[in-house]
Amino acid sequence: MSQIFSEETHRNLLSRIPHCTGREVREWLRAVEEGPAFLRFDEKVSWLRSEHDLSYGHAKAIVHEYDLRRAARNLL
């Protein structure tokens, strides 16, 4: 997996996504969920960037948040 941003940087990126993309984070998380079944982190990031014209930082933050939430669901 690619190096992840610090927690503070990650939260800052997430907070800017709605302003920069016009879509809420939950919409992007749904797009990752419903998108192609890539196994690797960097494949998901590349798909978001190419399919939705996102910046690298925003795509990486979305995929990281998706993975965090998926892991939390699996622990329940």
PDB file of N, CA and C in Angstrom:
ATOM      1  N   MET A   1       0.846  -1.168   0.000  1.00  0.00           N
ATOM      2  CA  MET A   1       0.000   0.000   0.000  1.00  0.00           C
ATOM      3  C   MET A   1       0.891   1.230   0.000  1.00  0.00           C
ATOM      4  N   SER A   2       0.444   2.276  -0.658  1.00  0.00           N
ATOM      5  CA  SER A   2       1.184   3.525  -0.709  1.00  0.00           C
ATOM      6  C   SER A   2       1.218   4.177   0.660  1.00  0.00           C
ATOM      7  N   GLN A   3       2.204   5.040   0.845  1.00  0.00           N
ATOM      8  CA  GLN A   3       2.303   5.765   2.101  1.00  0.00           C
ATOM      9  C   GLN A   3       1.065   6.634   2.281  1.00  0.00           C
ATOM     10  N   ILE A   4       0.503   6.614   3.461  1.00  0.00           N
ATOM     11  CA  ILE A   4      -0.703   7.368   3.772  1.00  0.00           C
ATOM     12  C   ILE A   4      -0.308   8.688   4.424  1.00  0.00           C
ATOM     13  N   PHE A   5      -1.120   9.698   4.219  1.00  0.00           N
ATOM     14  CA  PHE A   5      -0.885  10.996   4.831  1.00  0.00           C
ATOM     15  C   PHE A   5      -1.004  10.896   6.347  1.00  0.00           C
ATOM     16  N   SER A   6      -0.506  11.920   7.039  1.00  0.00           N
ATOM     17  CA  SER A   6      -0.733  11.988   8.482  1.00  0.00           C
ATOM     18  C   SER A   6      -2.237  12.104   8.715  1.00  0.00           C
ATOM     19  N   GLU A   7      -2.682  11.794   9.916  1.00  0.00           N
ATOM     20  CA  GLU A   7      -4.107  11.869  10.241  1.00  0.00           C
ATOM     21  C   GLU A   7      -4.633  13.287  10.019  1.00  0.00           C
ATOM     22  N   GLU A   8      -3.862  14.277  10.408  1.00  0.00           N
ATOM     23  CA  GLU A   8      -4.290  15.675  10.231  1.00  0.00           C
ATOM     24  C   GLU A   8      -4.428  16.031   8.744  1.00  0.00           C
ATOM     25  N   THR A   9      -3.460  15.655   7.951  1.00  0.00           N
ATOM     26  CA  THR A   9      -3.521  15.924   6.512  1.00  0.00           C
ATOM     27  C   THR A   9      -4.702  15.193   5.889  1.00  0.00           C
ATOM     28  N   HIS A  10      -4.908  13.950   6.304  1.00  0.00           N
ATOM     29  CA  HIS A  10      -6.028  13.163   5.787  1.00  0.00           C
ATOM     30  C   HIS A  10      -7.353  13.868   6.085  1.00  0.00           C
ATOM     31  N   ARG A  11      -7.552  14.296   7.309  1.00  0.00           N
ATOM     32  CA  ARG A  11      -8.798  14.982   7.699  1.00  0.00           C
ATOM     33  C   ARG A  11      -8.961  16.299   6.934  1.00  0.00           C
ATOM     34  N   ASN A  12      -7.866  17.032   6.750  1.00  0.00           N
ATOM     35  CA  ASN A  12      -7.932  18.295   6.000  1.00  0.00           C
ATOM     36  C   ASN A  12      -8.339  18.047   4.548  1.00  0.00           C
ATOM     37  N   LEU A  13      -7.756  17.024   3.938  1.00  0.00           N
ATOM     38  CA  LEU A  13      -8.117  16.687   2.561  1.00  0.00           C
ATOM     39  C   LEU A  13      -9.593  16.307   2.464  1.00  0.00           C
ATOM     40  N   LEU A  14     -10.057  15.474   3.386  1.00  0.00           N
ATOM     41  CA  LEU A  14     -11.465  15.065   3.373  1.00  0.00           C
ATOM     42  C   LEU A  14     -12.389  16.270   3.512  1.00  0.00           C
ATOM     43  N   SER A  15     -12.030  17.198   4.361  1.00  0.00           N
ATOM     44  CA  SER A  15     -12.900  18.358   4.584  1.00  0.00           C
ATOM     45  C   SER A  15     -12.977  19.251   3.348  1.00  0.00           C
ATOM     46  N   ARG A  16     -11.962  19.229   2.497  1.00  0.00           N
ATOM     47  CA  ARG A  16     -11.932  20.061   1.294  1.00  0.00           C
ATOM     48  C   ARG A  16     -12.595  19.396   0.081  1.00  0.00           C
ATOM     49  N   ILE A  17     -12.801  18.103   0.143  1.00  0.00           N
ATOM     50  CA  ILE A  17     -13.342  17.379  -1.015  1.00  0.00           C
ATOM     51  C   ILE A  17     -14.678  17.936  -1.495  1.00  0.00           C
ATOM     52  N   PRO A  18     -15.656  18.188  -0.629  1.00  0.00           N
ATOM     53  CA  PRO A  18     -16.933  18.726  -1.142  1.00  0.00           C
ATOM     54  C   PRO A  18     -16.759  20.055  -1.882  1.00  0.00           C
ATOM     55  N   HIS A  19     -15.935  20.930  -1.351  1.00  0.00           N
ATOM     56  CA  HIS A  19     -15.707  22.228  -1.989  1.00  0.00           C
ATOM     57  C   HIS A  19     -15.003  22.072  -3.341  1.00  0.00           C
ATOM     58  N   CYS A  20     -14.014  21.198  -3.387  1.00  0.00           N
ATOM     59  CA  CYS A  20     -13.193  21.045  -4.598  1.00  0.00           C
ATOM     60  C   CYS A  20     -13.859  20.200  -5.680  1.00  0.00           C
ATOM     61  N   THR A  21     -14.722  19.274  -5.274  1.00  0.00           N
ATOM     62  CA  THR A  21     -15.297  18.346  -6.253  1.00  0.00           C
ATOM     63  C   THR A  21     -16.789  18.553  -6.496  1.00  0.00           C
ATOM     64  N   GLY A  22     -17.453  19.250  -5.577  1.00  0.00           N
ATOM     65  CA  GLY A  22     -18.902  19.422  -5.708  1.00  0.00           C
ATOM     66  C   GLY A  22     -19.698  18.211  -5.255  1.00  0.00           C
ATOM     67  N   ARG A  23     -19.014  17.227  -4.687  1.00  0.00           N
ATOM     68  CA  ARG A  23     -19.681  16.010  -4.185  1.00  0.00           C
ATOM     69  C   ARG A  23     -19.225  15.746  -2.755  1.00  0.00           C
ATOM     70  N   GLU A  24     -20.145  15.246  -1.950  1.00  0.00           N
ATOM     71  CA  GLU A  24     -19.825  14.911  -0.560  1.00  0.00           C
ATOM     72  C   GLU A  24     -18.951  13.667  -0.499  1.00  0.00           C
ATOM     73  N   VAL A  25     -18.219  13.521   0.600  1.00  0.00           N
ATOM     74  CA  VAL A  25     -17.334  12.365   0.785  1.00  0.00           C
ATOM     75  C   VAL A  25     -18.132  11.071   0.706  1.00  0.00           C
ATOM     76  N   ARG A  26     -19.314  11.026   1.299  1.00  0.00           N
ATOM     77  CA  ARG A  26     -20.117   9.790   1.267  1.00  0.00           C
ATOM     78  C   ARG A  26     -20.439   9.375  -0.166  1.00  0.00           C
ATOM     79  N   GLU A  27     -20.617  10.345  -1.068  1.00  0.00           N
ATOM     80  CA  GLU A  27     -20.869  10.023  -2.475  1.00  0.00           C
ATOM     81  C   GLU A  27     -19.641   9.385  -3.110  1.00  0.00           C
ATOM     82  N   TRP A  28     -18.461   9.898  -2.769  1.00  0.00           N
ATOM     83  CA  TRP A  28     -17.224   9.322  -3.299  1.00  0.00           C
ATOM     84  C   TRP A  28     -16.998   7.921  -2.744  1.00  0.00           C
ATOM     85  N   LEU A  29     -17.317   7.723  -1.459  1.00  0.00           N
ATOM     86  CA  LEU A  29     -17.163   6.393  -0.862  1.00  0.00           C
ATOM     87  C   LEU A  29     -18.096   5.395  -1.550  1.00  0.00           C
ATOM     88  N   ARG A  30     -19.297   5.846  -1.886  1.00  0.00           N
ATOM     89  CA  ARG A  30     -20.238   4.994  -2.612  1.00  0.00           C
ATOM     90  C   ARG A  30     -19.692   4.673  -4.007  1.00  0.00           C
ATOM     91  N   ALA A  31     -19.063   5.650  -4.653  1.00  0.00           N
ATOM     92  CA  ALA A  31     -18.479   5.423  -5.982  1.00  0.00           C
ATOM     93  C   ALA A  31     -17.396   4.352  -5.920  1.00  0.00           C
ATOM     94  N   VAL A  32     -16.575   4.378  -4.871  1.00  0.00           N
ATOM     95  CA  VAL A  32     -15.535   3.353  -4.710  1.00  0.00           C
ATOM     96  C   VAL A  32     -16.188   1.996  -4.465  1.00  0.00           C
ATOM     97  N   GLU A  33     -17.203   1.969  -3.615  1.00  0.00           N
ATOM     98  CA  GLU A  33     -17.920   0.723  -3.298  1.00  0.00           C
ATOM     99  C   GLU A  33     -18.537   0.107  -4.549  1.00  0.00           C
ATOM    100  N   GLU A  34     -19.123   0.942  -5.383  1.00  0.00           N
ATOM    101  CA  GLU A  34     -19.840   0.460  -6.565  1.00  0.00           C
ATOM    102  C   GLU A  34     -18.950   0.344  -7.799  1.00  0.00           C
ATOM    103  N   GLY A  35     -17.723   0.829  -7.695  1.00  0.00           N
ATOM    104  CA  GLY A  35     -16.801   0.796  -8.824  1.00  0.00           C
ATOM    105  C   GLY A  35     -16.192  -0.581  -9.033  1.00  0.00           C
ATOM    106  N   PRO A  36     -15.208  -0.660  -9.913  1.00  0.00           N
ATOM    107  CA  PRO A  36     -14.552  -1.942 -10.189  1.00  0.00           C
ATOM    108  C   PRO A  36     -13.951  -2.551  -8.919  1.00  0.00           C
ATOM    109  N   ALA A  37     -13.910  -3.843  -8.868  1.00  0.00           N
ATOM    110  CA  ALA A  37     -13.442  -4.575  -7.678  1.00  0.00           C
ATOM    111  C   ALA A  37     -11.921  -4.708  -7.672  1.00  0.00           C
ATOM    112  N   PHE A  38     -11.240  -3.576  -7.645  1.00  0.00           N
ATOM    113  CA  PHE A  38      -9.786  -3.604  -7.558  1.00  0.00           C
ATOM    114  C   PHE A  38      -9.370  -4.050  -6.160  1.00  0.00           C
ATOM    115  N   LEU A  39      -8.312  -4.812  -6.081  1.00  0.00           N
ATOM    116  CA  LEU A  39      -7.818  -5.272  -4.786  1.00  0.00           C
ATOM    117  C   LEU A  39      -6.778  -4.329  -4.204  1.00  0.00           C
ATOM    118  N   ARG A  40      -5.988  -3.719  -5.061  1.00  0.00           N
ATOM    119  CA  ARG A  40      -4.877  -2.900  -4.576  1.00  0.00           C
ATOM    120  C   ARG A  40      -5.282  -1.438  -4.407  1.00  0.00           C
ATOM    121  N   PHE A  41      -4.743  -0.834  -3.361  1.00  0.00           N
ATOM    122  CA  PHE A  41      -4.986   0.559  -3.021  1.00  0.00           C
ATOM    123  C   PHE A  41      -4.701   1.464  -4.217  1.00  0.00           C
ATOM    124  N   ASP A  42      -3.523   1.309  -4.805  1.00  0.00           N
ATOM    125  CA  ASP A  42      -3.118   2.201  -5.895  1.00  0.00           C
ATOM    126  C   ASP A  42      -3.982   2.026  -7.138  1.00  0.00           C
ATOM    127  N   GLU A  43      -4.545   0.856  -7.353  1.00  0.00           N
ATOM    128  CA  GLU A  43      -5.466   0.651  -8.475  1.00  0.00           C
ATOM    129  C   GLU A  43      -6.753   1.458  -8.271  1.00  0.00           C
ATOM    130  N   LYS A  44      -7.252   1.456  -7.042  1.00  0.00           N
ATOM    131  CA  LYS A  44      -8.456   2.237  -6.730  1.00  0.00           C
ATOM    132  C   LYS A  44      -8.190   3.731  -6.915  1.00  0.00           C
ATOM    133  N   VAL A  45      -7.030   4.186  -6.445  1.00  0.00           N
ATOM    134  CA  VAL A  45      -6.660   5.599  -6.587  1.00  0.00           C
ATOM    135  C   VAL A  45      -6.572   5.959  -8.070  1.00  0.00           C
ATOM    136  N   SER A  46      -5.893   5.144  -8.849  1.00  0.00           N
ATOM    137  CA  SER A  46      -5.750   5.410 -10.285  1.00  0.00           C
ATOM    138  C   SER A  46      -7.104   5.434 -10.980  1.00  0.00           C
ATOM    139  N   TRP A  47      -7.990   4.515 -10.615  1.00  0.00           N
ATOM    140  CA  TRP A  47      -9.322   4.490 -11.212  1.00  0.00           C
ATOM    141  C   TRP A  47     -10.086   5.774 -10.901  1.00  0.00           C
ATOM    142  N   LEU A  48     -10.077   6.202  -9.641  1.00  0.00           N
ATOM    143  CA  LEU A  48     -10.772   7.442  -9.279  1.00  0.00           C
ATOM    144  C   LEU A  48     -10.214   8.629 -10.052  1.00  0.00           C
ATOM    145  N   ARG A  49      -8.898   8.684 -10.150  1.00  0.00           N
ATOM    146  CA  ARG A  49      -8.266   9.798 -10.858  1.00  0.00           C
ATOM    147  C   ARG A  49      -8.660   9.825 -12.323  1.00  0.00           C
ATOM    148  N   SER A  50      -8.624   8.682 -12.972  1.00  0.00           N
ATOM    149  CA  SER A  50      -8.906   8.657 -14.407  1.00  0.00           C
ATOM    150  C   SER A  50     -10.399   8.737 -14.706  1.00  0.00           C
ATOM    151  N   GLU A  51     -11.207   8.054 -13.936  1.00  0.00           N
ATOM    152  CA  GLU A  51     -12.649   7.999 -14.196  1.00  0.00           C
ATOM    153  C   GLU A  51     -13.361   9.294 -13.789  1.00  0.00           C
ATOM    154  N   HIS A  52     -12.869   9.931 -12.724  1.00  0.00           N
ATOM    155  CA  HIS A  52     -13.568  11.092 -12.163  1.00  0.00           C
ATOM    156  C   HIS A  52     -12.729  12.362 -12.156  1.00  0.00           C
ATOM    157  N   ASP A  53     -11.556  12.307 -12.752  1.00  0.00           N
ATOM    158  CA  ASP A  53     -10.696  13.486 -12.878  1.00  0.00           C
ATOM    159  C   ASP A  53     -10.389  14.136 -11.522  1.00  0.00           C
ATOM    160  N   LEU A  54     -10.059  13.312 -10.541  1.00  0.00           N
ATOM    161  CA  LEU A  54      -9.698  13.816  -9.211  1.00  0.00           C
ATOM    162  C   LEU A  54      -8.195  14.022  -9.110  1.00  0.00           C
ATOM    163  N   SER A  55      -7.805  14.902  -8.198  1.00  0.00           N
ATOM    164  CA  SER A  55      -6.379  15.058  -7.914  1.00  0.00           C
ATOM    165  C   SER A  55      -5.882  13.805  -7.192  1.00  0.00           C
ATOM    166  N   TYR A  56      -4.583  13.609  -7.238  1.00  0.00           N
ATOM    167  CA  TYR A  56      -3.989  12.457  -6.558  1.00  0.00           C
ATOM    168  C   TYR A  56      -4.302  12.483  -5.068  1.00  0.00           C
ATOM    169  N   GLY A  57      -4.135  13.639  -4.431  1.00  0.00           N
ATOM    170  CA  GLY A  57      -4.372  13.744  -2.991  1.00  0.00           C
ATOM    171  C   GLY A  57      -5.794  13.422  -2.599  1.00  0.00           C
ATOM    172  N   HIS A  58      -6.759  13.945  -3.340  1.00  0.00           N
ATOM    173  CA  HIS A  58      -8.163  13.673  -3.025  1.00  0.00           C
ATOM    174  C   HIS A  58      -8.510  12.215  -3.263  1.00  0.00           C
ATOM    175  N   ALA A  59      -8.044  11.649  -4.367  1.00  0.00           N
ATOM    176  CA  ALA A  59      -8.325  10.239  -4.646  1.00  0.00           C
ATOM    177  C   ALA A  59      -7.719   9.348  -3.572  1.00  0.00           C
ATOM    178  N   LYS A  60      -6.513   9.644  -3.171  1.00  0.00           N
ATOM    179  CA  LYS A  60      -5.841   8.856  -2.143  1.00  0.00           C
ATOM    180  C   LYS A  60      -6.574   8.961  -0.805  1.00  0.00           C
ATOM    181  N   ALA A  61      -7.020  10.162  -0.455  1.00  0.00           N
ATOM    182  CA  ALA A  61      -7.756  10.355   0.801  1.00  0.00           C
ATOM    183  C   ALA A  61      -9.086   9.600   0.780  1.00  0.00           C
ATOM    184  N   ILE A  62      -9.772   9.607  -0.354  1.00  0.00           N
ATOM    185  CA  ILE A  62     -11.054   8.902  -0.472  1.00  0.00           C
ATOM    186  C   ILE A  62     -10.850   7.403  -0.311  1.00  0.00           C
ATOM    187  N   VAL A  63      -9.877   6.849  -0.987  1.00  0.00           N
ATOM    188  CA  VAL A  63      -9.630   5.406  -0.906  1.00  0.00           C
ATOM    189  C   VAL A  63      -9.178   5.028   0.503  1.00  0.00           C
ATOM    190  N   HIS A  64      -8.351   5.844   1.111  1.00  0.00           N
ATOM    191  CA  HIS A  64      -7.906   5.557   2.477  1.00  0.00           C
ATOM    192  C   HIS A  64      -9.105   5.570   3.431  1.00  0.00           C
ATOM    193  N   GLU A  65      -9.974   6.563   3.299  1.00  0.00           N
ATOM    194  CA  GLU A  65     -11.163   6.636   4.154  1.00  0.00           C
ATOM    195  C   GLU A  65     -12.071   5.439   3.905  1.00  0.00           C
ATOM    196  N   TYR A  66     -12.222   5.058   2.656  1.00  0.00           N
ATOM    197  CA  TYR A  66     -13.020   3.877   2.320  1.00  0.00           C
ATOM    198  C   TYR A  66     -12.453   2.636   3.020  1.00  0.00           C
ATOM    199  N   ASP A  67     -11.144   2.452   2.936  1.00  0.00           N
ATOM    200  CA  ASP A  67     -10.504   1.297   3.566  1.00  0.00           C
ATOM    201  C   ASP A  67     -10.645   1.332   5.088  1.00  0.00           C
ATOM    202  N   LEU A  68     -10.515   2.518   5.689  1.00  0.00           N
ATOM    203  CA  LEU A  68     -10.689   2.648   7.138  1.00  0.00           C
ATOM    204  C   LEU A  68     -12.103   2.251   7.563  1.00  0.00           C
ATOM    205  N   ARG A  69     -13.080   2.743   6.838  1.00  0.00           N
ATOM    206  CA  ARG A  69     -14.474   2.441   7.188  1.00  0.00           C
ATOM    207  C   ARG A  69     -14.818   0.980   6.938  1.00  0.00           C
ATOM    208  N   ARG A  70     -14.300   0.418   5.867  1.00  0.00           N
ATOM    209  CA  ARG A  70     -14.528  -1.005   5.588  1.00  0.00           C
ATOM    210  C   ARG A  70     -13.918  -1.871   6.684  1.00  0.00           C
ATOM    211  N   ALA A  71     -12.710  -1.524   7.117  1.00  0.00           N
ATOM    212  CA  ALA A  71     -12.063  -2.273   8.203  1.00  0.00           C
ATOM    213  C   ALA A  71     -12.852  -2.166   9.498  1.00  0.00           C
ATOM    214  N   ALA A  72     -13.379  -0.980   9.781  1.00  0.00           N
ATOM    215  CA  ALA A  72     -14.170  -0.792  11.000  1.00  0.00           C
ATOM    216  C   ALA A  72     -15.440  -1.637  10.949  1.00  0.00           C
ATOM    217  N   ARG A  73     -16.077  -1.722   9.772  1.00  0.00           N
ATOM    218  CA  ARG A  73     -17.287  -2.556   9.627  1.00  0.00           C
ATOM    219  C   ARG A  73     -16.966  -4.031   9.865  1.00  0.00           C
ATOM    220  N   ASN A  74     -15.796  -4.456   9.391  1.00  0.00           N
ATOM    221  CA  ASN A  74     -15.418  -5.860   9.524  1.00  0.00           C
ATOM    222  C   ASN A  74     -15.108  -6.227  10.970  1.00  0.00           C
ATOM    223  N   LEU A  75     -14.790  -5.240  11.792  1.00  0.00           N
ATOM    224  CA  LEU A  75     -14.500  -5.519  13.203  1.00  0.00           C
ATOM    225  C   LEU A  75     -15.766  -5.696  14.022  1.00  0.00           C
ATOM    226  N   LEU A  76     -16.872  -5.205  13.500  1.00  0.00           N
ATOM    227  CA  LEU A  76     -18.143  -5.279  14.269  1.00  0.00           C
ATOM    228  C   LEU A  76     -18.762  -6.649  14.200  1.00  0.00           C
TER     229      LEU A  76
END
